[in-house]
Amino acid sequence: MTPTSDLQAELDTAAQEYEEFASRGLALDITRGKPGSEQLDLSAGLLDAVRGQDVFTPGGVDTRNYGGLEGIIELRELFSPLLKVPTDQLLAAGNASLTLMGQALTFALLGGTPVDPRPWGAGPHKILCPVPGYDRHFTLAESLGFELLSIPMDDEGPDIAEATRLAEDPAVRAMWLVPMYSNPTGITLTPARAAQLAAMPAAAADFTLLWDNAYGLHHLRDDHPDNLDILSLCAEAGHPERPWIFASTSKITHAGAGVSFFGAGPETFSWFRANLSRIAIGPDKINQLRHLRFFGDAAGVEEHMRRHAQIIAPKFDAVLSTLESGLGGTDFARWTEPDGGYFITLTTMEGTADRIVKLAGEAGVKLTPAGATHPYGLDPLGNTIRIAPTMPSLNEVELAAQGLVACVKLASLEKLLAG
């Protein structure tokens, strides 16, 4: 055990380092996984992809008019192999996949599903939430009246034993999943764990995997896993309607003007389309045509994502190297080293996350609130911090990481001295 006098000396040094950093008067923001301006510039060609009266799809559809609820067929064909969803089971919509999630859940709450027509909202309804996880998933489900049940994650994905135990309750209707480069840990679901989830017994006949493939194409390295074909895995396990698949181009092209996708088993796709037809006439097909022309084909999407990686991989590497040089070899923190996605998860000493976030904010480094990675904003161990390095410049990311290291040291030593 380190003597108290030595700890006090270390604390004094850490406090001095923190004050020196705070005195710079910086204003850095690493709260949310937004693409940076340089990334957005990669898609500038979208703005010129549709001009004048050149508004017809290759199949002759006038994109200016009503109709085409499923989205233009050519764009669905382009993304079908990338998302591992057959074209006739893939719908292309507006810019936000979160909207599709809200619509699908609302349809189930009000009118049940093809597997079970009894409305989910007619009784207690609960949802499984892998943690650490995506705060917008939790907020959406909570707003719709779901009880949020936490599921721990390991290196392969959600804990299957705990998920199976909780799914014995018929009120458990669904489970959130970010299968590739999970938000915020960067964990990628293994094929074996995906097969277990596909076959997992559940008391609810229409237990659903909410498969949010938000980062399925966001690789940082050339050597990367492929998207899983969850539809086939579920069909082979006897649950062809279990997965609802969501994705978008929000972090691929222009974040506020992309295209979202919904995929599912044949019956669920027809169910979703029928419900959607009552509240929508058709998506923005001009924007979909822009994307079709901009990418050209699936290989065009993959090449575009390589350009993204060239911009953001150095930012991830800068954070990781700064954490290693400042905190490596200590018991103050550990962190994930993702191969894709938009986040790094920093796990600190128990009970220090709130203090670190507060210190960072006062020093000019804005972090996501501690607890945002857990249902109801409550991290029981108080030790999880999400780092989003994509939007700031490389220099700003390096500075923010240096400040974060100073905050972790100070908060950790304070806790050790407090006993």
Protein backbone atom coordinates (compact mmCIF):
# COMPACT_ATOMS: atom_id res chain seq x y z
CA MET A 1 0.00 0.00 0.00
CA THR A 2 1.30 3.44 -0.90
CA PRO A 3 2.05 5.56 2.21
CA THR A 4 -0.30 8.48 2.81
CA SER A 5 2.55 10.96 2.54
CA ASP A 6 3.43 9.66 -0.91
CA LEU A 7 -0.20 9.82 -2.00
CA GLN A 8 -0.43 13.39 -0.78
CA ALA A 9 2.66 14.31 -2.78
CA GLU A 10 1.17 12.70 -5.86
CA LEU A 11 -2.11 14.53 -5.27
CA ASP A 12 -0.30 17.85 -4.97
CA THR A 13 1.46 17.19 -8.29
CA ALA A 14 -1.80 16.12 -9.95
CA ALA A 15 -3.58 19.22 -8.68
CA GLN A 16 -0.82 21.43 -10.07
CA GLU A 17 -0.99 19.69 -13.46
CA TYR A 18 -4.76 20.12 -13.49
CA GLU A 19 -4.56 23.82 -12.65
CA GLU A 20 -1.98 24.36 -15.39
CA PHE A 21 -4.28 22.72 -17.90
CA ALA A 22 -7.36 24.58 -16.70
CA SER A 23 -5.54 27.91 -16.95
CA ARG A 24 -5.35 27.57 -20.75
CA GLY A 25 -8.98 28.63 -21.03
CA LEU A 26 -9.86 25.97 -23.59
CA ALA A 27 -13.36 25.12 -24.82
CA LEU A 28 -13.31 21.55 -26.11
CA ASP A 29 -16.30 19.26 -26.68
CA ILE A 30 -16.01 15.47 -26.87
CA THR A 31 -19.57 14.69 -25.79
CA ARG A 32 -21.37 13.27 -28.82
CA GLY A 33 -20.40 11.14 -31.76
CA LYS A 34 -20.76 13.73 -34.47
CA PRO A 35 -18.73 13.66 -37.67
CA GLY A 36 -16.26 16.50 -38.04
CA SER A 37 -16.43 19.11 -40.79
CA GLU A 38 -13.68 17.36 -42.75
CA GLN A 39 -15.77 14.21 -42.78
CA LEU A 40 -18.88 16.09 -43.87
CA ASP A 41 -16.88 17.65 -46.70
CA LEU A 42 -16.33 14.16 -48.12
CA SER A 43 -19.98 14.17 -49.19
CA ALA A 44 -20.05 17.61 -50.81
CA GLY A 45 -20.84 15.90 -54.11
CA LEU A 46 -24.31 15.07 -52.81
CA LEU A 47 -25.33 18.69 -53.31
CA ASP A 48 -24.64 18.49 -57.03
CA ALA A 49 -25.91 14.96 -57.64
CA VAL A 50 -29.43 16.07 -58.64
CA ARG A 51 -29.81 19.15 -60.84
CA GLY A 52 -32.64 20.75 -62.76
CA GLN A 53 -35.04 18.20 -64.24
CA ASP A 54 -32.60 15.32 -63.93
CA VAL A 55 -34.76 13.82 -61.20
CA PHE A 56 -35.63 10.36 -62.51
CA THR A 57 -34.34 7.09 -61.07
CA PRO A 58 -32.75 4.53 -63.42
CA GLY A 59 -36.13 2.78 -63.37
CA GLY A 60 -37.94 5.93 -64.47
CA VAL A 61 -39.50 7.05 -61.16
CA ASP A 62 -40.00 10.82 -60.85
CA THR A 63 -38.54 11.46 -57.40
CA ARG A 64 -40.37 14.78 -57.05
CA ASN A 65 -43.76 13.14 -56.65
CA TYR A 66 -45.68 11.26 -54.00
CA GLY A 67 -45.42 7.51 -53.48
CA GLY A 68 -42.68 4.95 -53.22
CA LEU A 69 -43.19 4.24 -49.53
CA GLU A 70 -40.38 1.64 -49.50
CA GLY A 71 -37.87 4.08 -50.98
CA ILE A 72 -36.28 3.90 -54.40
CA ILE A 73 -35.46 0.35 -55.39
CA GLU A 74 -31.97 1.06 -56.70
CA LEU A 75 -30.75 2.47 -53.38
CA ARG A 76 -32.22 -0.49 -51.53
CA GLU A 77 -30.42 -2.81 -53.94
CA LEU A 78 -27.18 -0.94 -53.30
CA PHE A 79 -27.37 -1.24 -49.51
CA SER A 80 -28.85 -4.75 -49.42
CA PRO A 81 -25.51 -6.63 -49.52
CA LEU A 82 -23.89 -4.15 -47.14
CA LEU A 83 -26.60 -4.55 -44.49
CA LYS A 84 -27.24 -8.25 -45.14
CA VAL A 85 -30.95 -7.70 -45.80
CA PRO A 86 -32.76 -8.83 -48.98
CA THR A 87 -33.88 -5.88 -51.09
CA ASP A 88 -37.56 -6.80 -50.83
CA GLN A 89 -37.24 -6.78 -47.02
CA LEU A 90 -35.40 -3.46 -46.83
CA LEU A 91 -37.09 -0.07 -46.64
CA ALA A 92 -35.29 3.25 -47.22
CA ALA A 93 -36.70 6.26 -45.38
CA GLY A 94 -35.75 9.71 -44.10
CA ASN A 95 -32.60 10.85 -42.35
CA ALA A 96 -33.07 9.33 -38.88
CA SER A 97 -33.06 5.64 -38.00
CA LEU A 98 -34.10 6.65 -34.47
CA THR A 99 -37.41 7.76 -35.97
CA LEU A 100 -37.90 4.31 -37.50
CA MET A 101 -37.17 2.73 -34.11
CA GLY A 102 -39.77 4.93 -32.46
CA GLN A 103 -42.32 4.13 -35.14
CA ALA A 104 -41.75 0.37 -34.99
CA LEU A 105 -42.01 0.28 -31.21
CA THR A 106 -45.13 2.44 -31.25
CA PHE A 107 -46.78 0.16 -33.81
CA ALA A 108 -46.07 -2.83 -31.53
CA LEU A 109 -47.30 -1.03 -28.42
CA LEU A 110 -50.59 -0.12 -30.10
CA GLY A 111 -51.27 -3.14 -32.27
CA GLY A 112 -48.94 -6.00 -31.48
CA THR A 113 -46.76 -7.72 -34.07
CA PRO A 114 -47.26 -10.32 -36.82
CA VAL A 115 -46.17 -13.04 -34.41
CA ASP A 116 -48.56 -11.92 -31.64
CA PRO A 117 -51.31 -9.33 -32.37
CA ARG A 118 -51.80 -8.47 -28.71
CA PRO A 119 -50.60 -4.89 -28.11
CA TRP A 120 -47.43 -4.64 -26.09
CA GLY A 121 -48.88 -1.59 -24.38
CA ALA A 122 -51.87 -3.50 -23.00
CA GLY A 123 -49.81 -4.64 -20.05
CA PRO A 124 -46.38 -4.27 -18.48
CA HIS A 125 -43.67 -3.98 -21.11
CA LYS A 126 -39.97 -4.27 -20.45
CA ILE A 127 -36.88 -4.03 -22.60
CA LEU A 128 -33.36 -5.40 -22.17
CA CYS A 129 -30.58 -2.82 -22.31
CA PRO A 130 -26.95 -3.92 -22.68
CA VAL A 131 -24.70 -1.66 -20.60
CA PRO A 132 -22.74 0.41 -21.14
CA GLY A 133 -25.06 1.34 -23.98
CA TYR A 134 -26.59 4.03 -26.16
CA ASP A 135 -28.40 6.73 -24.22
CA ARG A 136 -30.85 7.54 -27.03
CA HIS A 137 -32.06 3.93 -27.03
CA PHE A 138 -32.75 4.17 -23.33
CA THR A 139 -34.45 7.56 -23.56
CA LEU A 140 -36.70 6.43 -26.42
CA ALA A 141 -37.79 3.26 -24.66
CA GLU A 142 -38.39 5.03 -21.37
CA SER A 143 -40.52 7.67 -23.13
CA LEU A 144 -42.71 4.88 -24.50
CA GLY A 145 -43.31 3.40 -21.07
CA PHE A 146 -40.87 0.49 -21.16
CA GLU A 147 -39.18 -0.63 -17.97
CA LEU A 148 -35.46 -0.70 -18.69
CA LEU A 149 -33.56 -3.80 -17.54
CA SER A 150 -29.76 -3.69 -17.63
CA ILE A 151 -27.74 -6.54 -19.16
CA PRO A 152 -23.96 -6.63 -18.61
CA MET A 153 -21.65 -6.87 -21.62
CA ASP A 154 -18.56 -9.01 -22.07
CA ASP A 155 -16.10 -9.10 -24.96
CA GLU A 156 -18.54 -11.08 -27.16
CA GLY A 157 -21.68 -9.06 -26.52
CA PRO A 158 -24.56 -9.11 -24.01
CA ASP A 159 -24.43 -11.69 -21.23
CA ILE A 160 -26.53 -14.49 -22.69
CA ALA A 161 -27.25 -16.18 -19.35
CA GLU A 162 -28.66 -13.00 -17.83
CA ALA A 163 -30.61 -12.19 -21.00
CA THR A 164 -32.11 -15.69 -21.00
CA ARG A 165 -33.07 -15.41 -17.33
CA LEU A 166 -34.81 -12.06 -17.77
CA ALA A 167 -36.57 -13.16 -20.96
CA GLU A 168 -38.44 -15.77 -18.92
CA ASP A 169 -40.72 -12.86 -18.02
CA PRO A 170 -43.40 -12.51 -20.76
CA ALA A 171 -43.39 -8.74 -20.23
CA VAL A 172 -39.86 -8.61 -21.69
CA ARG A 173 -40.64 -7.80 -25.31
CA ALA A 174 -37.35 -6.73 -26.86
CA MET A 175 -33.64 -6.16 -26.51
CA TRP A 176 -31.49 -3.32 -27.80
CA LEU A 177 -28.36 -4.28 -29.70
CA VAL A 178 -25.61 -2.35 -31.50
CA PRO A 179 -23.95 -5.38 -33.09
CA MET A 180 -20.92 -3.73 -34.71
CA TYR A 181 -18.64 -1.44 -32.67
CA SER A 182 -21.20 -1.00 -29.90
CA ASN A 183 -21.90 2.46 -28.55
CA PRO A 184 -19.91 3.22 -26.43
CA THR A 185 -17.59 0.25 -25.84
CA GLY A 186 -16.71 -0.60 -29.45
CA ILE A 187 -17.48 -4.28 -28.81
CA THR A 188 -18.50 -6.26 -31.90
CA LEU A 189 -20.98 -9.07 -31.39
CA THR A 190 -19.38 -12.42 -32.20
CA PRO A 191 -21.11 -14.85 -34.58
CA ALA A 192 -21.44 -17.36 -31.74
CA ARG A 193 -23.13 -14.85 -29.42
CA ALA A 194 -25.40 -13.67 -32.25
CA ALA A 195 -26.47 -17.27 -32.87
CA GLN A 196 -27.24 -17.67 -29.17
CA LEU A 197 -29.41 -14.55 -29.21
CA ALA A 198 -31.17 -15.76 -32.35
CA ALA A 199 -32.06 -19.06 -30.68
CA MET A 200 -32.59 -17.75 -27.14
CA PRO A 201 -35.82 -18.94 -25.54
CA ALA A 202 -38.21 -16.19 -24.47
CA ALA A 203 -41.61 -16.22 -22.83
CA ALA A 204 -42.88 -13.57 -25.23
CA ALA A 205 -43.56 -15.27 -28.56
CA ASP A 206 -42.66 -12.07 -30.40
CA PHE A 207 -39.50 -11.28 -28.43
CA THR A 208 -37.58 -8.92 -30.70
CA LEU A 209 -33.94 -8.04 -31.29
CA LEU A 210 -33.72 -4.32 -32.00
CA TRP A 211 -30.65 -4.61 -34.22
CA ASP A 212 -29.30 -1.06 -34.56
CA ASN A 213 -26.49 -1.42 -37.09
CA ALA A 214 -25.46 2.21 -36.67
CA TYR A 215 -21.73 1.55 -37.10
CA GLY A 216 -21.75 -1.48 -39.38
CA LEU A 217 -19.68 0.28 -42.04
CA HIS A 218 -17.57 2.48 -39.76
CA HIS A 219 -14.27 0.64 -39.70
CA LEU A 220 -11.03 2.24 -38.53
CA ARG A 221 -8.77 -0.50 -39.88
CA ASP A 222 -8.49 -2.29 -43.23
CA ASP A 223 -8.77 -5.65 -41.49
CA HIS A 224 -12.28 -5.71 -40.05
CA PRO A 225 -15.23 -8.06 -39.40
CA ASP A 226 -18.16 -8.29 -41.77
CA ASN A 227 -21.74 -7.51 -40.84
CA LEU A 228 -23.60 -10.50 -39.46
CA ASP A 229 -26.58 -11.94 -41.33
CA ILE A 230 -28.90 -11.88 -38.34
CA LEU A 231 -31.97 -12.57 -40.48
CA SER A 232 -30.56 -15.92 -41.58
CA LEU A 233 -29.37 -16.79 -38.08
CA CYS A 234 -32.82 -16.13 -36.66
CA ALA A 235 -34.58 -18.00 -39.45
CA GLU A 236 -32.34 -21.01 -38.90
CA ALA A 237 -33.16 -20.87 -35.18
CA GLY A 238 -36.90 -20.87 -35.86
CA HIS A 239 -37.45 -17.16 -35.20
CA PRO A 240 -37.54 -15.56 -38.67
CA GLU A 241 -39.37 -12.45 -37.44
CA ARG A 242 -37.19 -11.84 -34.37
CA PRO A 243 -34.80 -9.14 -35.70
CA TRP A 244 -35.78 -5.59 -36.60
CA ILE A 245 -32.80 -4.07 -38.36
CA PHE A 246 -32.04 -0.37 -38.39
CA ALA A 247 -29.27 1.60 -40.09
CA SER A 248 -28.61 4.97 -41.65
CA THR A 249 -26.08 7.05 -43.56
CA SER A 250 -26.14 9.71 -40.85
CA LYS A 251 -22.42 9.35 -40.11
CA ILE A 252 -21.61 8.29 -43.67
CA THR A 253 -22.76 11.34 -45.63
CA HIS A 254 -24.43 14.42 -44.15
CA ALA A 255 -25.54 13.68 -40.62
CA GLY A 256 -28.68 15.80 -40.82
CA ALA A 257 -29.62 14.83 -44.37
CA GLY A 258 -28.97 11.13 -44.78
CA VAL A 259 -31.08 8.07 -45.50
CA SER A 260 -32.28 5.54 -42.91
CA PHE A 261 -33.15 1.88 -43.39
CA PHE A 262 -35.48 -0.68 -41.83
CA GLY A 263 -35.12 -4.40 -42.49
CA ALA A 264 -36.95 -7.41 -41.09
CA GLY A 265 -38.41 -10.83 -41.76
CA PRO A 266 -41.03 -11.01 -44.53
CA GLU A 267 -44.08 -10.79 -42.27
CA THR A 268 -42.63 -8.04 -40.11
CA PHE A 269 -41.59 -6.04 -43.15
CA SER A 270 -45.17 -6.19 -44.52
CA TRP A 271 -46.53 -5.29 -41.07
CA PHE A 272 -44.24 -2.30 -40.75
CA ARG A 273 -45.00 -1.11 -44.27
CA ALA A 274 -48.75 -1.38 -43.71
CA ASN A 275 -48.55 0.63 -40.49
CA LEU A 276 -46.25 3.20 -42.05
CA SER A 277 -48.62 3.70 -44.98
CA ARG A 278 -51.20 5.14 -42.60
CA ILE A 279 -48.92 7.95 -41.45
CA ALA A 280 -46.68 8.58 -44.48
CA ILE A 281 -47.05 8.85 -48.25
CA GLY A 282 -43.40 8.45 -49.14
CA PRO A 283 -39.87 9.51 -48.16
CA ASP A 284 -37.64 12.20 -49.65
CA LYS A 285 -36.80 10.35 -52.85
CA ILE A 286 -34.73 13.24 -54.23
CA ASN A 287 -32.32 12.82 -51.35
CA GLN A 288 -32.29 9.08 -51.92
CA LEU A 289 -31.46 9.67 -55.59
CA ARG A 290 -28.60 11.95 -54.52
CA HIS A 291 -27.16 9.14 -52.44
CA LEU A 292 -27.58 6.60 -55.21
CA ARG A 293 -25.72 8.75 -57.70
CA PHE A 294 -23.06 9.82 -55.23
CA PHE A 295 -22.12 6.25 -54.25
CA GLY A 296 -22.80 4.48 -57.54
CA ASP A 297 -22.54 1.03 -56.02
CA ALA A 298 -21.63 -0.83 -52.83
CA ALA A 299 -17.94 -0.54 -53.59
CA GLY A 300 -18.40 3.22 -53.71
CA VAL A 301 -19.77 3.16 -50.17
CA GLU A 302 -16.83 1.11 -48.94
CA GLU A 303 -14.29 3.43 -50.57
CA HIS A 304 -16.08 6.42 -49.06
CA MET A 305 -15.80 4.84 -45.61
CA ARG A 306 -12.07 4.29 -46.08
CA ARG A 307 -11.74 8.04 -46.53
CA HIS A 308 -13.62 8.55 -43.27
CA ALA A 309 -11.20 6.20 -41.52
CA GLN A 310 -8.21 8.16 -42.80
CA ILE A 311 -9.61 11.24 -41.02
CA ILE A 312 -10.78 9.79 -37.72
CA ALA A 313 -8.37 6.90 -37.03
CA PRO A 314 -5.57 9.35 -36.07
CA LYS A 315 -7.96 10.96 -33.55
CA PHE A 316 -8.68 7.62 -31.90
CA ASP A 317 -4.98 6.80 -31.90
CA ALA A 318 -4.19 10.17 -30.29
CA VAL A 319 -6.64 9.54 -27.44
CA LEU A 320 -5.40 6.00 -26.87
CA SER A 321 -1.73 6.97 -26.88
CA THR A 322 -2.40 9.85 -24.47
CA LEU A 323 -4.33 7.59 -22.10
CA GLU A 324 -1.55 5.02 -22.23
CA SER A 325 1.24 7.51 -21.63
CA GLY A 326 -0.64 9.27 -18.82
CA LEU A 327 -2.50 6.43 -17.11
CA GLY A 328 -0.87 3.22 -18.29
CA GLY A 329 0.52 1.10 -15.48
CA THR A 330 -1.79 2.69 -12.90
CA ASP A 331 -4.97 1.42 -11.29
CA PHE A 332 -6.75 4.68 -12.08
CA ALA A 333 -8.46 3.62 -15.30
CA ARG A 334 -8.74 1.21 -18.19
CA TRP A 335 -10.16 1.86 -21.64
CA THR A 336 -11.41 0.16 -24.76
CA GLU A 337 -9.39 0.12 -27.99
CA PRO A 338 -12.07 -0.09 -30.69
CA ASP A 339 -11.43 -0.99 -34.32
CA GLY A 340 -14.39 1.08 -35.49
CA GLY A 341 -17.40 3.09 -34.50
CA TYR A 342 -17.36 6.49 -32.84
CA PHE A 343 -16.48 6.01 -29.18
CA ILE A 344 -13.92 4.98 -26.58
CA THR A 345 -15.13 3.90 -23.15
CA LEU A 346 -13.05 4.94 -20.16
CA THR A 347 -13.62 2.90 -17.00
CA THR A 348 -12.34 4.72 -13.93
CA MET A 349 -12.12 3.93 -10.23
CA GLU A 350 -15.55 3.30 -8.75
CA GLY A 351 -17.38 6.45 -7.76
CA THR A 352 -15.09 8.87 -9.60
CA ALA A 353 -16.86 9.41 -12.94
CA ASP A 354 -19.02 12.32 -11.76
CA ARG A 355 -16.02 14.06 -10.23
CA ILE A 356 -13.95 13.59 -13.39
CA VAL A 357 -16.70 14.96 -15.63
CA LYS A 358 -17.10 17.97 -13.31
CA LEU A 359 -13.35 18.65 -13.21
CA ALA A 360 -13.11 18.34 -16.98
CA GLY A 361 -15.97 20.76 -17.54
CA GLU A 362 -14.41 23.33 -15.25
CA ALA A 363 -11.13 22.94 -17.16
CA GLY A 364 -12.79 23.49 -20.54
CA VAL A 365 -13.30 19.88 -21.67
CA LYS A 366 -16.97 19.00 -22.04
CA LEU A 367 -17.76 15.30 -21.56
CA THR A 368 -20.96 13.29 -21.79
CA PRO A 369 -22.62 13.29 -18.34
CA ALA A 370 -21.56 10.36 -16.18
CA GLY A 371 -24.35 7.79 -16.15
CA ALA A 372 -25.56 8.52 -19.69
CA THR A 373 -24.32 5.08 -20.72
CA HIS A 374 -26.82 3.37 -18.38
CA PRO A 375 -30.63 3.18 -18.14
CA TYR A 376 -32.22 6.09 -16.31
CA GLY A 377 -28.81 7.79 -16.29
CA LEU A 378 -27.75 5.71 -13.30
CA ASP A 379 -24.37 4.00 -13.45
CA PRO A 380 -24.35 1.84 -10.29
CA LEU A 381 -20.55 1.81 -10.10
CA GLY A 382 -20.11 5.45 -11.08
CA ASN A 383 -17.09 4.63 -13.23
CA THR A 384 -18.06 4.84 -16.91
CA ILE A 385 -17.18 7.76 -19.19
CA ARG A 386 -17.84 7.91 -22.93
CA ILE A 387 -15.26 9.65 -25.12
CA ALA A 388 -16.28 10.88 -28.58
CA PRO A 389 -13.15 11.98 -30.48
CA THR A 390 -14.53 12.47 -34.00
CA MET A 391 -15.84 16.03 -34.22
CA PRO A 392 -12.95 18.15 -32.87
CA SER A 393 -9.74 18.66 -34.83
CA LEU A 394 -6.81 16.33 -34.18
CA ASN A 395 -5.05 19.00 -32.13
CA GLU A 396 -8.19 19.61 -30.07
CA VAL A 397 -8.60 15.88 -29.46
CA GLU A 398 -5.02 15.63 -28.23
CA LEU A 399 -5.55 18.55 -25.86
CA ALA A 400 -8.84 17.16 -24.58
CA ALA A 401 -7.21 13.79 -23.88
CA GLN A 402 -4.41 15.48 -21.95
CA GLY A 403 -6.95 17.34 -19.86
CA LEU A 404 -8.92 14.15 -19.26
CA VAL A 405 -5.79 12.38 -18.00
CA ALA A 406 -5.18 15.24 -15.55
CA CYS A 407 -8.76 14.97 -14.28
CA VAL A 408 -8.56 11.19 -13.86
CA LYS A 409 -5.35 11.46 -11.87
CA LEU A 410 -6.70 14.16 -9.60
CA ALA A 411 -10.05 12.44 -8.92
CA SER A 412 -8.41 9.05 -8.35
CA LEU A 413 -5.86 10.35 -5.87
CA GLU A 414 -8.55 12.30 -4.05
CA LYS A 415 -10.52 9.07 -3.64
CA LEU A 416 -7.50 7.08 -2.47
CA LEU A 417 -6.64 9.67 0.16
CA ALA A 418 -10.26 9.85 1.29
CA GLY A 419 -10.06 6.14 2.02
